[in-house]
PDB file of N, CA and C in Angstrom:
ATOM      1  N   UNK A   1      65.966  61.437 117.251  1.00  0.00           N
ATOM      2  CA  UNK A   1      66.508  61.560 115.926  1.00  0.00           C
ATOM      3  C   UNK A   1      66.764  63.044 115.672  1.00  0.00           C
ATOM      4  N   UNK A   2      67.981  63.361 115.280  1.00  0.00           N
ATOM      5  CA  UNK A   2      68.346  64.759 115.046  1.00  0.00           C
ATOM      6  C   UNK A   2      68.792  64.992 113.610  1.00  0.00           C
ATOM      7  N   UNK A   3      68.507  66.171 113.112  1.00  0.00           N
ATOM      8  CA  UNK A   3      68.972  66.563 111.786  1.00  0.00           C
ATOM      9  C   UNK A   3      70.480  66.354 111.727  1.00  0.00           C
ATOM     10  N   UNK A   4      70.931  65.690 110.662  1.00  0.00           N
ATOM     11  CA  UNK A   4      72.354  65.447 110.482  1.00  0.00           C
ATOM     12  C   UNK A   4      72.823  64.104 111.008  1.00  0.00           C
ATOM     13  N   UNK A   5      72.018  63.426 111.836  1.00  0.00           N
ATOM     14  CA  UNK A   5      72.380  62.084 112.295  1.00  0.00           C
ATOM     15  C   UNK A   5      72.329  61.115 111.115  1.00  0.00           C
ATOM     16  N   UNK A   6      73.121  60.042 111.156  1.00  0.00           N
ATOM     17  CA  UNK A   6      73.026  59.036 110.096  1.00  0.00           C
ATOM     18  C   UNK A   6      71.600  58.487 110.005  1.00  0.00           C
ATOM     19  N   UNK A   7      71.060  58.456 108.801  1.00  0.00           N
ATOM     20  CA  UNK A   7      69.681  57.997 108.579  1.00  0.00           C
ATOM     21  C   UNK A   7      69.667  56.478 108.487  1.00  0.00           C
ATOM     22  N   UNK A   8      69.483  55.825 109.623  1.00  0.00           N
ATOM     23  CA  UNK A   8      69.531  54.372 109.671  1.00  0.00           C
ATOM     24  C   UNK A   8      68.207  53.719 110.044  1.00  0.00           C
ATOM     25  N   UNK A   9      67.309  54.451 110.680  1.00  0.00           N
ATOM     26  CA  UNK A   9      66.083  53.848 111.198  1.00  0.00           C
ATOM     27  C   UNK A   9      64.835  54.561 110.692  1.00  0.00           C
ATOM     28  N   UNK A  10      63.808  53.769 110.488  1.00  0.00           N
ATOM     29  CA  UNK A  10      62.464  54.247 110.207  1.00  0.00           C
ATOM     30  C   UNK A  10      61.649  53.968 111.466  1.00  0.00           C
ATOM     31  N   UNK A  11      60.776  54.881 111.837  1.00  0.00           N
ATOM     32  CA  UNK A  11      59.998  54.759 113.067  1.00  0.00           C
ATOM     33  C   UNK A  11      58.508  54.773 112.764  1.00  0.00           C
ATOM     34  N   UNK A  12      57.772  53.900 113.443  1.00  0.00           N
ATOM     35  CA  UNK A  12      56.316  53.864 113.386  1.00  0.00           C
ATOM     36  C   UNK A  12      55.818  54.174 114.788  1.00  0.00           C
ATOM     37  N   UNK A  13      55.039  55.229 114.942  1.00  0.00           N
ATOM     38  CA  UNK A  13      54.542  55.632 116.260  1.00  0.00           C
ATOM     39  C   UNK A  13      53.402  54.702 116.673  1.00  0.00           C
ATOM     40  N   UNK A  14      53.593  54.005 117.784  1.00  0.00           N
ATOM     41  CA  UNK A  14      52.564  53.131 118.334  1.00  0.00           C
ATOM     42  C   UNK A  14      51.704  53.868 119.357  1.00  0.00           C
ATOM     43  N   UNK A  15      52.339  54.812 120.067  1.00  0.00           N
ATOM     44  CA  UNK A  15      51.622  55.612 121.043  1.00  0.00           C
ATOM     45  C   UNK A  15      52.387  56.909 121.249  1.00  0.00           C
ATOM     46  N   UNK A  16      51.671  58.014 121.326  1.00  0.00           N
ATOM     47  CA  UNK A  16      52.295  59.298 121.609  1.00  0.00           C
ATOM     48  C   UNK A  16      52.286  60.222 120.419  1.00  0.00           C
ATOM     49  N   UNK A  17      53.117  61.245 120.537  1.00  0.00           N
ATOM     50  CA  UNK A  17      53.130  62.302 119.531  1.00  0.00           C
ATOM     51  C   UNK A  17      54.540  62.875 119.445  1.00  0.00           C
ATOM     52  N   UNK A  18      54.970  63.204 118.234  1.00  0.00           N
ATOM     53  CA  UNK A  18      56.251  63.877 118.033  1.00  0.00           C
ATOM     54  C   UNK A  18      56.036  65.100 117.152  1.00  0.00           C
ATOM     55  N   UNK A  19      56.909  66.060 117.330  1.00  0.00           N
ATOM     56  CA  UNK A  19      56.949  67.224 116.446  1.00  0.00           C
ATOM     57  C   UNK A  19      58.175  67.073 115.558  1.00  0.00           C
ATOM     58  N   UNK A  20      58.003  67.349 114.271  1.00  0.00           N
ATOM     59  CA  UNK A  20      59.112  67.325 113.331  1.00  0.00           C
ATOM     60  C   UNK A  20      59.628  68.759 113.215  1.00  0.00           C
ATOM     61  N   UNK A  21      60.892  68.938 113.566  1.00  0.00           N
ATOM     62  CA  UNK A  21      61.523  70.254 113.560  1.00  0.00           C
ATOM     63  C   UNK A  21      62.529  70.338 112.415  1.00  0.00           C
ATOM     64  N   UNK A  22      62.600  71.506 111.819  1.00  0.00           N
ATOM     65  CA  UNK A  22      63.621  71.788 110.822  1.00  0.00           C
ATOM     66  C   UNK A  22      64.322  73.070 111.224  1.00  0.00           C
ATOM     67  N   UNK A  23      65.637  73.055 111.233  1.00  0.00           N
ATOM     68  CA  UNK A  23      66.425  74.227 111.618  1.00  0.00           C
ATOM     69  C   UNK A  23      67.119  74.778 110.385  1.00  0.00           C
ATOM     70  N   UNK A  24      66.592  75.887 109.827  1.00  0.00           N
ATOM     71  CA  UNK A  24      67.315  76.523 108.725  1.00  0.00           C
ATOM     72  C   UNK A  24      68.623  77.124 109.243  1.00  0.00           C
ATOM     73  N   UNK A  25      69.568  77.279 108.364  1.00  0.00           N
ATOM     74  CA  UNK A  25      70.867  77.829 108.779  1.00  0.00           C
ATOM     75  C   UNK A  25      70.755  79.244 109.318  1.00  0.00           C
ATOM     76  N   UNK A  26      69.783  79.995 108.845  1.00  0.00           N
ATOM     77  CA  UNK A  26      69.722  81.409 109.201  1.00  0.00           C
ATOM     78  C   UNK A  26      68.527  81.779 110.081  1.00  0.00           C
ATOM     79  N   UNK A  27      68.019  80.822 110.834  1.00  0.00           N
ATOM     80  CA  UNK A  27      66.871  81.154 111.666  1.00  0.00           C
ATOM     81  C   UNK A  27      66.619  80.127 112.747  1.00  0.00           C
ATOM     82  N   UNK A  28      65.591  80.366 113.534  1.00  0.00           N
ATOM     83  CA  UNK A  28      65.255  79.444 114.620  1.00  0.00           C
ATOM     84  C   UNK A  28      64.590  78.176 114.058  1.00  0.00           C
ATOM     85  N   UNK A  29      64.547  77.107 114.862  1.00  0.00           N
ATOM     86  CA  UNK A  29      63.878  75.884 114.413  1.00  0.00           C
ATOM     87  C   UNK A  29      62.396  76.133 114.119  1.00  0.00           C
ATOM     88  N   UNK A  30      61.902  75.450 113.109  1.00  0.00           N
ATOM     89  CA  UNK A  30      60.493  75.532 112.729  1.00  0.00           C
ATOM     90  C   UNK A  30      59.848  74.172 112.962  1.00  0.00           C
ATOM     91  N   UNK A  31      58.607  74.163 113.428  1.00  0.00           N
ATOM     92  CA  UNK A  31      57.859  72.910 113.522  1.00  0.00           C
ATOM     93  C   UNK A  31      57.171  72.709 112.177  1.00  0.00           C
ATOM     94  N   UNK A  32      57.580  71.649 111.475  1.00  0.00           N
ATOM     95  CA  UNK A  32      56.997  71.350 110.172  1.00  0.00           C
ATOM     96  C   UNK A  32      55.646  70.672 110.299  1.00  0.00           C
ATOM     97  N   UNK A  33      55.549  69.739 111.254  1.00  0.00           N
ATOM     98  CA  UNK A  33      54.305  68.998 111.462  1.00  0.00           C
ATOM     99  C   UNK A  33      54.381  68.264 112.789  1.00  0.00           C
ATOM    100  N   UNK A  34      53.255  67.765 113.205  1.00  0.00           N
ATOM    101  CA  UNK A  34      53.185  66.903 114.384  1.00  0.00           C
ATOM    102  C   UNK A  34      52.625  65.568 113.929  1.00  0.00           C
ATOM    103  N   UNK A  35      53.193  64.503 114.470  1.00  0.00           N
ATOM    104  CA  UNK A  35      52.786  63.155 114.088  1.00  0.00           C
ATOM    105  C   UNK A  35      52.246  62.413 115.297  1.00  0.00           C
ATOM    106  N   UNK A  36      51.276  61.540 115.044  1.00  0.00           N
ATOM    107  CA  UNK A  36      50.590  60.797 116.097  1.00  0.00           C
ATOM    108  C   UNK A  36      50.646  59.300 115.831  1.00  0.00           C
ATOM    109  N   UNK A  37      49.959  58.560 116.668  1.00  0.00           N
ATOM    110  CA  UNK A  37      49.875  57.113 116.540  1.00  0.00           C
ATOM    111  C   UNK A  37      49.561  56.719 115.096  1.00  0.00           C
ATOM    112  N   UNK A  38      50.344  55.763 114.579  1.00  0.00           N
ATOM    113  CA  UNK A  38      50.153  55.276 113.219  1.00  0.00           C
ATOM    114  C   UNK A  38      50.964  56.005 112.172  1.00  0.00           C
ATOM    115  N   UNK A  39      51.556  57.142 112.545  1.00  0.00           N
ATOM    116  CA  UNK A  39      52.378  57.892 111.599  1.00  0.00           C
ATOM    117  C   UNK A  39      53.804  57.348 111.585  1.00  0.00           C
ATOM    118  N   UNK A  40      54.513  57.653 110.516  1.00  0.00           N
ATOM    119  CA  UNK A  40      55.873  57.182 110.290  1.00  0.00           C
ATOM    120  C   UNK A  40      56.799  58.379 110.159  1.00  0.00           C
ATOM    121  N   UNK A  41      58.008  58.255 110.718  1.00  0.00           N
ATOM    122  CA  UNK A  41      59.036  59.272 110.493  1.00  0.00           C
ATOM    123  C   UNK A  41      60.390  58.597 110.328  1.00  0.00           C
ATOM    124  N   UNK A  42      61.352  59.335 109.826  1.00  0.00           N
ATOM    125  CA  UNK A  42      62.669  58.776 109.544  1.00  0.00           C
ATOM    126  C   UNK A  42      62.758  58.212 108.137  1.00  0.00           C
ATOM    127  N   UNK A  43      61.923  58.736 107.245  1.00  0.00           N
ATOM    128  CA  UNK A  43      61.827  58.212 105.878  1.00  0.00           C
ATOM    129  C   UNK A  43      63.160  58.262 105.142  1.00  0.00           C
ATOM    130  N   UNK A  44      64.064  59.136 105.547  1.00  0.00           N
ATOM    131  CA  UNK A  44      65.381  59.220 104.908  1.00  0.00           C
ATOM    132  C   UNK A  44      66.099  57.873 104.936  1.00  0.00           C
ATOM    133  N   UNK A  45      65.837  57.072 105.954  1.00  0.00           N
ATOM    134  CA  UNK A  45      66.472  55.756 106.060  1.00  0.00           C
ATOM    135  C   UNK A  45      66.043  54.829 104.933  1.00  0.00           C
ATOM    136  N   UNK A  46      64.845  55.007 104.422  1.00  0.00           N
ATOM    137  CA  UNK A  46      64.338  54.152 103.350  1.00  0.00           C
ATOM    138  C   UNK A  46      64.795  54.664 101.987  1.00  0.00           C
ATOM    139  N   UNK A  47      64.827  55.979 101.824  1.00  0.00           N
ATOM    140  CA  UNK A  47      65.155  56.546 100.514  1.00  0.00           C
ATOM    141  C   UNK A  47      66.645  56.552 100.223  1.00  0.00           C
ATOM    142  N   UNK A  48      67.455  56.262 101.231  1.00  0.00           N
ATOM    143  CA  UNK A  48      68.892  56.206 100.995  1.00  0.00           C
ATOM    144  C   UNK A  48      69.646  57.467 101.326  1.00  0.00           C
ATOM    145  N   UNK A  49      68.974  58.452 101.880  1.00  0.00           N
ATOM    146  CA  UNK A  49      69.687  59.658 102.307  1.00  0.00           C
ATOM    147  C   UNK A  49      70.696  59.280 103.382  1.00  0.00           C
ATOM    148  N   UNK A  50      71.879  59.838 103.316  1.00  0.00           N
ATOM    149  CA  UNK A  50      72.877  59.479 104.326  1.00  0.00           C
ATOM    150  C   UNK A  50      72.562  60.044 105.711  1.00  0.00           C
ATOM    151  N   UNK A  51      71.827  61.166 105.753  1.00  0.00           N
ATOM    152  CA  UNK A  51      71.534  61.817 107.038  1.00  0.00           C
ATOM    153  C   UNK A  51      70.073  62.250 107.088  1.00  0.00           C
ATOM    154  N   UNK A  52      69.537  62.315 108.320  1.00  0.00           N
ATOM    155  CA  UNK A  52      68.192  62.840 108.503  1.00  0.00           C
ATOM    156  C   UNK A  52      68.189  64.334 108.178  1.00  0.00           C
ATOM    157  N   UNK A  53      67.110  64.805 107.592  1.00  0.00           N
ATOM    158  CA  UNK A  53      67.014  66.205 107.187  1.00  0.00           C
ATOM    159  C   UNK A  53      66.252  67.064 108.182  1.00  0.00           C
ATOM    160  N   UNK A  54      65.697  66.435 109.204  1.00  0.00           N
ATOM    161  CA  UNK A  54      64.981  67.169 110.244  1.00  0.00           C
ATOM    162  C   UNK A  54      65.163  66.429 111.562  1.00  0.00           C
ATOM    163  N   UNK A  55      64.650  67.010 112.619  1.00  0.00           N
ATOM    164  CA  UNK A  55      64.747  66.426 113.958  1.00  0.00           C
ATOM    165  C   UNK A  55      63.351  66.119 114.473  1.00  0.00           C
ATOM    166  N   UNK A  56      63.265  65.199 115.423  1.00  0.00           N
ATOM    167  CA  UNK A  56      61.992  64.925 116.076  1.00  0.00           C
ATOM    168  C   UNK A  56      62.121  65.231 117.560  1.00  0.00           C
ATOM    169  N   UNK A  57      61.033  65.724 118.112  1.00  0.00           N
ATOM    170  CA  UNK A  57      60.959  65.994 119.537  1.00  0.00           C
ATOM    171  C   UNK A  57      59.679  65.360 120.051  1.00  0.00           C
ATOM    172  N   UNK A  58      59.815  64.464 121.010  1.00  0.00           N
ATOM    173  CA  UNK A  58      58.646  63.823 121.603  1.00  0.00           C
ATOM    174  C   UNK A  58      57.874  64.840 122.422  1.00  0.00           C
ATOM    175  N   UNK A  59      56.568  64.783 122.294  1.00  0.00           N
ATOM    176  CA  UNK A  59      55.703  65.673 123.067  1.00  0.00           C
ATOM    177  C   UNK A  59      54.964  64.838 124.109  1.00  0.00           C
ATOM    178  N   UNK A  60      55.722  64.229 124.994  1.00  0.00           N
ATOM    179  CA  UNK A  60      55.172  63.359 126.021  1.00  0.00           C
ATOM    180  C   UNK A  60      55.705  61.947 125.852  1.00  0.00           C
ATOM    181  N   UNK A  61      55.042  61.000 126.504  1.00  0.00           N
ATOM    182  CA  UNK A  61      55.455  59.603 126.401  1.00  0.00           C
ATOM    183  C   UNK A  61      55.314  59.138 124.957  1.00  0.00           C
ATOM    184  N   UNK A  62      56.280  58.334 124.523  1.00  0.00           N
ATOM    185  CA  UNK A  62      56.292  57.859 123.149  1.00  0.00           C
ATOM    186  C   UNK A  62      56.688  56.393 123.111  1.00  0.00           C
ATOM    187  N   UNK A  63      55.928  55.616 122.388  1.00  0.00           N
ATOM    188  CA  UNK A  63      56.294  54.235 122.086  1.00  0.00           C
ATOM    189  C   UNK A  63      56.305  54.130 120.571  1.00  0.00           C
ATOM    190  N   UNK A  64      57.449  53.709 120.027  1.00  0.00           N
ATOM    191  CA  UNK A  64      57.576  53.611 118.574  1.00  0.00           C
ATOM    192  C   UNK A  64      58.318  52.335 118.211  1.00  0.00           C
ATOM    193  N   UNK A  65      57.965  51.797 117.083  1.00  0.00           N
ATOM    194  CA  UNK A  65      58.669  50.660 116.511  1.00  0.00           C
ATOM    195  C   UNK A  65      59.791  51.228 115.660  1.00  0.00           C
ATOM    196  N   UNK A  66      61.014  50.765 115.880  1.00  0.00           N
ATOM    197  CA  UNK A  66      62.169  51.249 115.137  1.00  0.00           C
ATOM    198  C   UNK A  66      62.695  50.107 114.277  1.00  0.00           C
ATOM    199  N   UNK A  67      62.814  50.377 112.974  1.00  0.00           N
ATOM    200  CA  UNK A  67      63.265  49.355 112.031  1.00  0.00           C
ATOM    201  C   UNK A  67      64.504  49.880 111.312  1.00  0.00           C
ATOM    202  N   UNK A  68      65.567  49.091 111.327  1.00  0.00           N
ATOM    203  CA  UNK A  68      66.801  49.478 110.648  1.00  0.00           C
ATOM    204  C   UNK A  68      66.615  49.371 109.138  1.00  0.00           C
ATOM    205  N   UNK A  69      67.173  50.306 108.399  1.00  0.00           N
ATOM    206  CA  UNK A  69      67.042  50.311 106.937  1.00  0.00           C
ATOM    207  C   UNK A  69      67.490  48.987 106.335  1.00  0.00           C
ATOM    208  N   UNK A  70      68.536  48.408 106.877  1.00  0.00           N
ATOM    209  CA  UNK A  70      69.051  47.137 106.379  1.00  0.00           C
ATOM    210  C   UNK A  70      68.003  46.032 106.514  1.00  0.00           C
ATOM    211  N   UNK A  71      67.266  46.040 107.624  1.00  0.00           N
ATOM    212  CA  UNK A  71      66.211  45.049 107.830  1.00  0.00           C
ATOM    213  C   UNK A  71      65.101  45.170 106.801  1.00  0.00           C
ATOM    214  N   UNK A  72      64.710  46.397 106.486  1.00  0.00           N
ATOM    215  CA  UNK A  72      63.678  46.598 105.463  1.00  0.00           C
ATOM    216  C   UNK A  72      64.145  46.075 104.112  1.00  0.00           C
ATOM    217  N   UNK A  73      65.360  46.416 103.727  1.00  0.00           N
ATOM    218  CA  UNK A  73      65.850  45.994 102.412  1.00  0.00           C
ATOM    219  C   UNK A  73      66.153  44.500 102.380  1.00  0.00           C
ATOM    220  N   UNK A  74      66.539  43.905 103.513  1.00  0.00           N
ATOM    221  CA  UNK A  74      66.690  42.447 103.564  1.00  0.00           C
ATOM    222  C   UNK A  74      65.346  41.763 103.343  1.00  0.00           C
ATOM    223  N   UNK A  75      64.293  42.338 103.893  1.00  0.00           N
ATOM    224  CA  UNK A  75      62.954  41.801 103.678  1.00  0.00           C
ATOM    225  C   UNK A  75      62.583  41.863 102.200  1.00  0.00           C
ATOM    226  N   UNK A  76      62.903  42.973 101.541  1.00  0.00           N
ATOM    227  CA  UNK A  76      62.634  43.091 100.106  1.00  0.00           C
ATOM    228  C   UNK A  76      63.423  42.033  99.334  1.00  0.00           C
ATOM    229  N   UNK A  77      64.676  41.803  99.733  1.00  0.00           N
ATOM    230  CA  UNK A  77      65.497  40.797  99.062  1.00  0.00           C
ATOM    231  C   UNK A  77      64.944  39.386  99.235  1.00  0.00           C
ATOM    232  N   UNK A  78      64.587  39.050 100.466  1.00  0.00           N
ATOM    233  CA  UNK A  78      64.170  37.679 100.779  1.00  0.00           C
ATOM    234  C   UNK A  78      62.726  37.387 100.427  1.00  0.00           C
ATOM    235  N   UNK A  79      61.890  38.390 100.514  1.00  0.00           N
ATOM    236  CA  UNK A  79      60.471  38.220 100.227  1.00  0.00           C
ATOM    237  C   UNK A  79      59.984  39.466  99.484  1.00  0.00           C
ATOM    238  N   UNK A  80      60.310  39.549  98.182  1.00  0.00           N
ATOM    239  CA  UNK A  80      60.037  40.778  97.436  1.00  0.00           C
ATOM    240  C   UNK A  80      58.588  41.253  97.494  1.00  0.00           C
ATOM    241  N   UNK A  81      57.638  40.356  97.350  1.00  0.00           N
ATOM    242  CA  UNK A  81      56.235  40.795  97.355  1.00  0.00           C
ATOM    243  C   UNK A  81      55.839  41.377  98.707  1.00  0.00           C
ATOM    244  N   UNK A  82      56.197  40.695  99.774  1.00  0.00           N
ATOM    245  CA  UNK A  82      55.871  41.177 101.117  1.00  0.00           C
ATOM    246  C   UNK A  82      56.606  42.478 101.415  1.00  0.00           C
ATOM    247  N   UNK A  83      57.889  42.522 101.107  1.00  0.00           N
ATOM    248  CA  UNK A  83      58.681  43.726 101.358  1.00  0.00           C
ATOM    249  C   UNK A  83      58.154  44.925 100.616  1.00  0.00           C
ATOM    250  N   UNK A  84      57.797  44.730  99.363  1.00  0.00           N
ATOM    251  CA  UNK A  84      57.270  45.846  98.572  1.00  0.00           C
ATOM    252  C   UNK A  84      55.915  46.300  99.085  1.00  0.00           C
ATOM    253  N   UNK A  85      55.106  45.350  99.528  1.00  0.00           N
ATOM    254  CA  UNK A  85      53.803  45.710 100.099  1.00  0.00           C
ATOM    255  C   UNK A  85      53.986  46.565 101.345  1.00  0.00           C
ATOM    256  N   UNK A  86      54.902  46.159 102.206  1.00  0.00           N
ATOM    257  CA  UNK A  86      55.150  46.917 103.436  1.00  0.00           C
ATOM    258  C   UNK A  86      55.671  48.312 103.113  1.00  0.00           C
ATOM    259  N   UNK A  87      56.646  48.399 102.224  1.00  0.00           N
ATOM    260  CA  UNK A  87      57.205  49.704 101.889  1.00  0.00           C
ATOM    261  C   UNK A  87      56.165  50.579 101.203  1.00  0.00           C
ATOM    262  N   UNK A  88      55.334  49.974 100.360  1.00  0.00           N
ATOM    263  CA  UNK A  88      54.272  50.745  99.716  1.00  0.00           C
ATOM    264  C   UNK A  88      53.285  51.287 100.752  1.00  0.00           C
ATOM    265  N   UNK A  89      52.956  50.470 101.741  1.00  0.00           N
ATOM    266  CA  UNK A  89      52.040  50.942 102.794  1.00  0.00           C
ATOM    267  C   UNK A  89      52.681  52.044 103.626  1.00  0.00           C
ATOM    268  N   UNK A  90      53.982  51.911 103.882  1.00  0.00           N
ATOM    269  CA  UNK A  90      54.679  52.974 104.597  1.00  0.00           C
ATOM    270  C   UNK A  90      54.655  54.262 103.783  1.00  0.00           C
ATOM    271  N   UNK A  91      54.842  54.150 102.479  1.00  0.00           N
ATOM    272  CA  UNK A  91      54.783  55.337 101.616  1.00  0.00           C
ATOM    273  C   UNK A  91      53.394  55.961 101.656  1.00  0.00           C
ATOM    274  N   UNK A  92      52.347  55.127 101.708  1.00  0.00           N
ATOM    275  CA  UNK A  92      50.984  55.655 101.825  1.00  0.00           C
ATOM    276  C   UNK A  92      50.795  56.413 103.124  1.00  0.00           C
ATOM    277  N   UNK A  93      51.432  55.929 104.198  1.00  0.00           N
ATOM    278  CA  UNK A  93      51.295  56.591 105.497  1.00  0.00           C
ATOM    279  C   UNK A  93      51.956  57.965 105.480  1.00  0.00           C
ATOM    280  N   UNK A  94      53.062  58.081 104.793  1.00  0.00           N
ATOM    281  CA  UNK A  94      53.802  59.333 104.793  1.00  0.00           C
ATOM    282  C   UNK A  94      53.334  60.263 103.682  1.00  0.00           C
ATOM    283  N   UNK A  95      52.638  59.754 102.689  1.00  0.00           N
ATOM    284  CA  UNK A  95      52.315  60.553 101.514  1.00  0.00           C
ATOM    285  C   UNK A  95      51.474  61.799 101.779  1.00  0.00           C
ATOM    286  N   UNK A  96      50.610  61.854 102.800  1.00  0.00           N
ATOM    287  CA  UNK A  96      49.926  63.133 103.037  1.00  0.00           C
ATOM    288  C   UNK A  96      50.907  64.261 103.363  1.00  0.00           C
ATOM    289  N   UNK A  97      52.061  63.932 103.960  1.00  0.00           N
ATOM    290  CA  UNK A  97      53.065  64.941 104.278  1.00  0.00           C
ATOM    291  C   UNK A  97      54.080  65.094 103.160  1.00  0.00           C
ATOM    292  N   UNK A  98      54.236  64.051 102.377  1.00  0.00           N
ATOM    293  CA  UNK A  98      55.280  64.035 101.356  1.00  0.00           C
ATOM    294  C   UNK A  98      54.637  63.599 100.055  1.00  0.00           C
ATOM    295  N   UNK A  99      54.212  64.543  99.272  1.00  0.00           N
ATOM    296  CA  UNK A  99      53.372  64.280  98.100  1.00  0.00           C
ATOM    297  C   UNK A  99      53.986  63.317  97.107  1.00  0.00           C
ATOM    298  N   UNK A 100      55.293  63.259  96.982  1.00  0.00           N
ATOM    299  CA  UNK A 100      55.892  62.387  95.979  1.00  0.00           C
ATOM    300  C   UNK A 100      56.582  61.165  96.575  1.00  0.00           C
ATOM    301  N   UNK A 101      56.107  60.678  97.699  1.00  0.00           N
ATOM    302  CA  UNK A 101      56.733  59.519  98.343  1.00  0.00           C
ATOM    303  C   UNK A 101      56.788  58.314  97.412  1.00  0.00           C
ATOM    304  N   UNK A 102      55.692  58.029  96.718  1.00  0.00           N
ATOM    305  CA  UNK A 102      55.681  56.873  95.816  1.00  0.00           C
ATOM    306  C   UNK A 102      56.638  57.045  94.646  1.00  0.00           C
ATOM    307  N   UNK A 103      56.712  58.235  94.083  1.00  0.00           N
ATOM    308  CA  UNK A 103      57.617  58.451  92.955  1.00  0.00           C
ATOM    309  C   UNK A 103      59.071  58.269  93.365  1.00  0.00           C
ATOM    310  N   UNK A 104      59.399  58.614  94.602  1.00  0.00           N
ATOM    311  CA  UNK A 104      60.782  58.488  95.041  1.00  0.00           C
ATOM    312  C   UNK A 104      61.136  57.060  95.436  1.00  0.00           C
ATOM    313  N   UNK A 105      60.208  56.321  95.994  1.00  0.00           N
ATOM    314  CA  UNK A 105      60.526  54.972  96.456  1.00  0.00           C
ATOM    315  C   UNK A 105      60.440  53.941  95.336  1.00  0.00           C
ATOM    316  N   UNK A 106      59.578  54.134  94.360  1.00  0.00           N
ATOM    317  CA  UNK A 106      59.397  53.139  93.298  1.00  0.00           C
ATOM    318  C   UNK A 106      60.679  52.849  92.521  1.00  0.00           C
ATOM    319  N   UNK A 107      61.455  53.851  92.113  1.00  0.00           N
ATOM    320  CA  UNK A 107      62.700  53.523  91.409  1.00  0.00           C
ATOM    321  C   UNK A 107      63.667  52.695  92.251  1.00  0.00           C
ATOM    322  N   UNK A 108      63.664  52.914  93.567  1.00  0.00           N
ATOM    323  CA  UNK A 108      64.532  52.115  94.438  1.00  0.00           C
ATOM    324  C   UNK A 108      64.107  50.658  94.429  1.00  0.00           C
ATOM    325  N   UNK A 109      62.815  50.427  94.465  1.00  0.00           N
ATOM    326  CA  UNK A 109      62.316  49.048  94.434  1.00  0.00           C
ATOM    327  C   UNK A 109      62.586  48.400  93.079  1.00  0.00           C
ATOM    328  N   UNK A 110      62.417  49.153  92.020  1.00  0.00           N
ATOM    329  CA  UNK A 110      62.604  48.613  90.676  1.00  0.00           C
ATOM    330  C   UNK A 110      64.063  48.365  90.330  1.00  0.00           C
ATOM    331  N   UNK A 111      64.977  49.085  90.956  1.00  0.00           N
ATOM    332  CA  UNK A 111      66.398  48.924  90.630  1.00  0.00           C
ATOM    333  C   UNK A 111      67.133  48.097  91.667  1.00  0.00           C
ATOM    334  N   UNK A 112      66.419  47.220  92.333  1.00  0.00           N
ATOM    335  CA  UNK A 112      67.021  46.390  93.384  1.00  0.00           C
ATOM    336  C   UNK A 112      67.650  47.236  94.473  1.00  0.00           C
ATOM    337  N   UNK A 113      66.991  48.365  94.766  1.00  0.00           N
ATOM    338  CA  UNK A 113      67.373  49.273  95.849  1.00  0.00           C
ATOM    339  C   UNK A 113      68.883  49.468  95.941  1.00  0.00           C
ATOM    340  N   UNK A 114      69.408  50.188  95.028  1.00  0.00           N
ATOM    341  CA  UNK A 114      70.837  50.430  94.981  1.00  0.00           C
ATOM    342  C   UNK A 114      71.303  51.444  96.023  1.00  0.00           C
ATOM    343  N   UNK A 115      70.520  51.611  97.068  1.00  0.00           N
ATOM    344  CA  UNK A 115      70.929  52.521  98.127  1.00  0.00           C
ATOM    345  C   UNK A 115      71.922  51.834  99.041  1.00  0.00           C
ATOM    346  N   UNK A 116      72.608  52.606  99.810  1.00  0.00           N
ATOM    347  CA  UNK A 116      73.561  52.100 100.781  1.00  0.00           C
ATOM    348  C   UNK A 116      72.790  51.431 101.908  1.00  0.00           C
ATOM    349  N   UNK A 117      73.061  50.150 102.183  1.00  0.00           N
ATOM    350  CA  UNK A 117      72.292  49.386 103.166  1.00  0.00           C
ATOM    351  C   UNK A 117      73.048  49.216 104.482  1.00  0.00           C
ATOM    352  N   UNK A 118      73.680  50.219 105.000  1.00  0.00           N
ATOM    353  CA  UNK A 118      74.488  50.123 106.210  1.00  0.00           C
ATOM    354  C   UNK A 118      73.730  49.554 107.362  1.00  0.00           C
TER     355      UNK A 118
END
């Protein structure tokens, strides 16, 4: 996953480790954080951002579950309670890195997720 790629997938790390890189326009890439088993990345796909805002680099072998944004929102449509529970748990997983994850995702759930579901 690279900064600027279409934000279509959310990833759950089952095994391995990734580094989250951010490349400012006027400097070298920075490592924002490292993620391990059980961590989630690609949150832009859930929030409706059209593109990823950072890149990931695997630091060795990696096994991850990849879920398309459309699949997550279809789950919310077909089974609202289950879908919201899953998305809420995903927000809990990312919230140590992203302090306002719940505040950003809750309006999407409450407004029938008016994000682009490509």
